[in-house]
């Protein structure tokens, strides 16, 4: 993960070396769970802010 500032643009970049597809179903974690929210948070932010795929 990296966070950069370019003028008035903030870019949050997330990279995963896994082989999952972008259209993977993301399940919500149980409220009591200590983990399992990473992909859900990234998906929600990407849906609101946009996505740029990099190869």
N, C-alpha and C. Protein backbone atom coordinates (compact mmCIF):
# COMPACT_ATOMS: atom_id res chain seq x y z
N UNK A 1 0.83 -1.15 0.00
CA UNK A 1 0.00 0.00 0.00
C UNK A 1 0.89 1.23 0.00
N UNK A 2 0.49 2.24 -0.74
CA UNK A 2 1.21 3.51 -0.72
C UNK A 2 0.20 4.64 -0.81
N UNK A 3 0.59 5.77 -0.26
CA UNK A 3 -0.24 6.96 -0.28
C UNK A 3 0.63 8.10 -0.79
N UNK A 4 0.19 8.76 -1.87
CA UNK A 4 0.97 9.85 -2.45
C UNK A 4 0.10 11.08 -2.62
N UNK A 5 0.73 12.24 -2.60
CA UNK A 5 0.05 13.51 -2.79
C UNK A 5 0.67 14.18 -4.01
N UNK A 6 -0.16 14.53 -4.99
CA UNK A 6 0.30 15.20 -6.20
C UNK A 6 -0.60 16.42 -6.40
N UNK A 7 -0.16 17.56 -5.92
CA UNK A 7 -1.00 18.74 -5.99
C UNK A 7 -2.19 18.57 -5.06
N UNK A 8 -3.38 18.57 -5.64
CA UNK A 8 -4.59 18.39 -4.84
C UNK A 8 -5.14 16.96 -4.92
N UNK A 9 -4.36 16.06 -5.52
CA UNK A 9 -4.81 14.67 -5.71
C UNK A 9 -4.09 13.76 -4.72
N UNK A 10 -4.87 13.01 -3.95
CA UNK A 10 -4.31 11.99 -3.06
C UNK A 10 -4.57 10.64 -3.72
N UNK A 11 -3.52 9.83 -3.85
CA UNK A 11 -3.67 8.51 -4.47
C UNK A 11 -3.29 7.44 -3.46
N UNK A 12 -4.23 6.54 -3.23
CA UNK A 12 -4.00 5.37 -2.40
C UNK A 12 -3.86 4.19 -3.34
N UNK A 13 -2.72 3.53 -3.31
CA UNK A 13 -2.46 2.39 -4.18
C UNK A 13 -2.35 1.14 -3.34
N UNK A 14 -3.04 0.10 -3.79
CA UNK A 14 -3.02 -1.18 -3.10
C UNK A 14 -2.61 -2.23 -4.11
N UNK A 15 -1.68 -3.07 -3.73
CA UNK A 15 -1.21 -4.12 -4.64
C UNK A 15 -1.27 -5.45 -3.92
N UNK A 16 -1.73 -6.45 -4.64
CA UNK A 16 -1.84 -7.79 -4.08
C UNK A 16 -1.20 -8.75 -5.07
N UNK A 17 -0.28 -9.57 -4.62
CA UNK A 17 0.39 -10.50 -5.52
C UNK A 17 -0.41 -11.78 -5.73
N UNK A 18 -1.58 -11.86 -5.14
CA UNK A 18 -2.42 -13.04 -5.29
C UNK A 18 -2.99 -13.15 -6.70
N UNK A 19 -3.65 -14.26 -6.98
CA UNK A 19 -4.19 -14.49 -8.32
C UNK A 19 -5.71 -14.32 -8.37
N UNK A 20 -6.27 -13.61 -7.41
CA UNK A 20 -7.73 -13.40 -7.41
C UNK A 20 -8.12 -12.42 -8.51
N UNK A 21 -9.33 -12.58 -9.00
CA UNK A 21 -9.87 -11.67 -9.99
C UNK A 21 -10.52 -10.48 -9.29
N UNK A 22 -10.66 -9.36 -9.99
CA UNK A 22 -11.27 -8.17 -9.40
C UNK A 22 -12.74 -8.36 -9.07
N UNK A 23 -13.40 -9.29 -9.73
CA UNK A 23 -14.84 -9.47 -9.50
C UNK A 23 -15.12 -10.52 -8.42
N UNK A 24 -14.15 -10.80 -7.56
CA UNK A 24 -14.33 -11.78 -6.50
C UNK A 24 -15.40 -11.28 -5.52
N UNK A 25 -16.23 -12.20 -5.04
CA UNK A 25 -17.23 -11.85 -4.04
C UNK A 25 -16.53 -11.60 -2.71
N UNK A 26 -16.82 -10.48 -2.10
CA UNK A 26 -16.22 -10.11 -0.82
C UNK A 26 -17.30 -10.24 0.26
N UNK A 27 -17.04 -11.12 1.20
CA UNK A 27 -17.99 -11.31 2.30
C UNK A 27 -17.69 -10.34 3.42
N UNK A 28 -18.74 -9.89 4.09
CA UNK A 28 -18.55 -9.02 5.24
C UNK A 28 -18.12 -9.85 6.45
N UNK A 29 -17.22 -9.28 7.24
CA UNK A 29 -16.76 -9.95 8.44
C UNK A 29 -17.81 -9.83 9.54
N UNK A 30 -17.84 -10.79 10.43
CA UNK A 30 -18.72 -10.72 11.60
C UNK A 30 -18.28 -9.53 12.45
N UNK A 31 -19.21 -8.85 13.09
CA UNK A 31 -18.86 -7.70 13.92
C UNK A 31 -17.82 -8.02 15.00
N UNK A 32 -17.82 -9.25 15.48
CA UNK A 32 -16.89 -9.64 16.55
C UNK A 32 -15.51 -10.06 16.02
N UNK A 33 -15.37 -10.23 14.71
CA UNK A 33 -14.12 -10.72 14.12
C UNK A 33 -13.00 -9.68 14.25
N UNK A 34 -11.78 -10.15 14.43
CA UNK A 34 -10.60 -9.28 14.54
C UNK A 34 -9.95 -9.04 13.19
N UNK A 35 -10.38 -9.75 12.15
CA UNK A 35 -9.78 -9.60 10.82
C UNK A 35 -10.85 -9.85 9.78
N UNK A 36 -10.44 -9.74 8.51
CA UNK A 36 -11.35 -10.06 7.42
C UNK A 36 -12.06 -8.88 6.80
N UNK A 37 -11.56 -7.68 7.04
CA UNK A 37 -12.23 -6.49 6.51
C UNK A 37 -11.45 -5.80 5.39
N UNK A 38 -10.22 -6.21 5.13
CA UNK A 38 -9.36 -5.53 4.17
C UNK A 38 -9.94 -5.41 2.78
N UNK A 39 -10.32 -6.53 2.18
CA UNK A 39 -10.88 -6.49 0.82
C UNK A 39 -12.19 -5.72 0.78
N UNK A 40 -12.99 -5.86 1.81
CA UNK A 40 -14.26 -5.14 1.86
C UNK A 40 -14.01 -3.62 1.88
N UNK A 41 -13.07 -3.17 2.69
CA UNK A 41 -12.76 -1.74 2.75
C UNK A 41 -12.23 -1.22 1.42
N UNK A 42 -11.32 -1.97 0.81
CA UNK A 42 -10.77 -1.56 -0.48
C UNK A 42 -11.87 -1.50 -1.53
N UNK A 43 -12.75 -2.49 -1.56
CA UNK A 43 -13.86 -2.50 -2.53
C UNK A 43 -14.78 -1.30 -2.34
N UNK A 44 -15.11 -0.97 -1.09
CA UNK A 44 -16.00 0.16 -0.82
C UNK A 44 -15.36 1.49 -1.24
N UNK A 45 -14.09 1.67 -0.92
CA UNK A 45 -13.39 2.90 -1.31
C UNK A 45 -13.30 2.99 -2.83
N UNK A 46 -12.97 1.88 -3.49
CA UNK A 46 -12.84 1.88 -4.95
C UNK A 46 -14.17 2.19 -5.61
N UNK A 47 -15.27 1.66 -5.06
CA UNK A 47 -16.58 1.93 -5.63
C UNK A 47 -16.92 3.42 -5.53
N UNK A 48 -16.52 4.05 -4.43
CA UNK A 48 -16.83 5.47 -4.23
C UNK A 48 -15.88 6.40 -4.98
N UNK A 49 -14.59 6.02 -5.06
CA UNK A 49 -13.58 6.93 -5.57
C UNK A 49 -13.08 6.62 -6.98
N UNK A 50 -13.20 5.37 -7.40
CA UNK A 50 -12.73 4.99 -8.72
C UNK A 50 -11.55 4.05 -8.67
N UNK A 51 -11.27 3.42 -9.80
CA UNK A 51 -10.22 2.41 -9.90
C UNK A 51 -9.43 2.65 -11.17
N UNK A 52 -8.12 2.52 -11.07
CA UNK A 52 -7.24 2.53 -12.24
C UNK A 52 -6.42 1.26 -12.17
N UNK A 53 -6.62 0.36 -13.15
CA UNK A 53 -5.87 -0.90 -13.15
C UNK A 53 -4.49 -0.67 -13.73
N UNK A 54 -3.52 -1.31 -13.11
CA UNK A 54 -2.15 -1.21 -13.57
C UNK A 54 -1.63 -2.63 -13.80
N UNK A 55 -1.00 -2.87 -14.94
CA UNK A 55 -0.50 -4.22 -15.21
C UNK A 55 0.94 -4.38 -14.83
